[in-house]
Amino acid sequence: MNRYRKSIVSTKIFVEWNDNPKMELLMNDMPNELAELWDEWLSDIENEENAKNERTHKEVNNGTDAM
């Protein structure tokens, strides 16, 4: 069993405006409703990544190819 679970510790949101192709870091406050959805989405990503890592770890320990 993989004892180390990955977790997202930081995110940044960049935007590209229609008048300038340079990506800019968005510094605006996120509305609470969106922040809750964002956190849920990031948790889903963490869970998927950890499940993938656990499957790979089990396959390696069972002597099968991880692919």
Protein backbone atom coordinates (compact mmCIF):
# COMPACT_ATOMS: atom_id res chain seq x y z
CA MET A 1 0.00 0.00 0.00
CA ASN A 2 1.27 3.45 -0.90
CA ARG A 3 1.55 5.34 2.39
CA TYR A 4 2.25 8.70 0.80
CA ARG A 5 -0.84 10.43 -0.55
CA LYS A 6 -0.37 13.34 -2.88
CA SER A 7 -2.24 16.55 -2.17
CA ILE A 8 -2.46 19.82 -4.07
CA VAL A 9 -0.97 22.56 -1.94
CA SER A 10 -1.24 25.52 -4.28
CA THR A 11 -3.01 26.69 -7.44
CA LYS A 12 -2.83 29.77 -9.63
CA ILE A 13 -5.28 31.02 -12.21
CA PHE A 14 -3.88 32.72 -15.29
CA VAL A 15 -5.87 34.57 -17.92
CA GLU A 16 -5.13 35.73 -21.45
CA TRP A 17 -6.92 38.90 -22.47
CA ASN A 18 -8.10 39.37 -26.04
CA ASP A 19 -5.89 42.45 -26.51
CA ASN A 20 -2.65 40.89 -25.20
CA PRO A 21 -1.46 37.30 -25.71
CA LYS A 22 0.61 37.37 -22.50
CA MET A 23 -0.77 35.21 -19.68
CA GLU A 24 -1.41 37.20 -16.49
CA LEU A 25 -1.89 35.93 -12.96
CA LEU A 26 -5.44 36.62 -11.82
CA MET A 27 -5.45 38.29 -8.40
CA ASN A 28 -9.21 38.80 -7.99
CA ASP A 29 -11.07 37.28 -5.05
CA MET A 30 -12.98 34.12 -5.91
CA PRO A 31 -16.65 34.07 -4.90
CA ASN A 32 -17.39 31.60 -2.09
CA GLU A 33 -19.69 29.43 -4.21
CA LEU A 34 -17.02 29.06 -6.87
CA ALA A 35 -14.30 28.47 -4.26
CA GLU A 36 -16.30 25.53 -2.87
CA LEU A 37 -16.68 24.01 -6.35
CA TRP A 38 -12.98 24.65 -7.07
CA ASP A 39 -11.96 22.88 -3.84
CA GLU A 40 -14.23 19.92 -4.66
CA TRP A 41 -12.73 19.70 -8.15
CA LEU A 42 -9.18 19.76 -6.75
CA SER A 43 -10.14 17.03 -4.25
CA ASP A 44 -11.44 14.93 -7.14
CA ILE A 45 -8.11 15.42 -8.95
CA GLU A 46 -6.19 14.39 -5.82
CA ASN A 47 -8.36 11.29 -5.39
CA GLU A 48 -7.89 10.28 -9.04
CA GLU A 49 -4.12 10.75 -8.83
CA ASN A 50 -3.84 8.80 -5.59
CA ALA A 51 -6.02 5.99 -6.92
CA LYS A 52 -3.84 5.80 -10.03
CA ASN A 53 -0.70 5.68 -7.89
CA GLU A 54 -2.18 2.96 -5.66
CA ARG A 55 -3.08 0.84 -8.72
CA THR A 56 0.43 1.28 -10.11
CA HIS A 57 1.96 0.38 -6.73
CA LYS A 58 -0.18 -2.78 -6.51
CA GLU A 59 0.71 -3.79 -10.08
CA VAL A 60 4.42 -3.35 -9.38
CA ASN A 61 4.18 -5.36 -6.15
CA ASN A 62 2.27 -8.12 -7.95
CA GLY A 63 4.96 -8.30 -10.62
CA THR A 64 2.75 -7.03 -13.42
CA ASP A 65 3.46 -4.20 -15.77
CA ALA A 66 2.04 -0.82 -14.66
CA MET A 67 0.85 0.00 -18.18
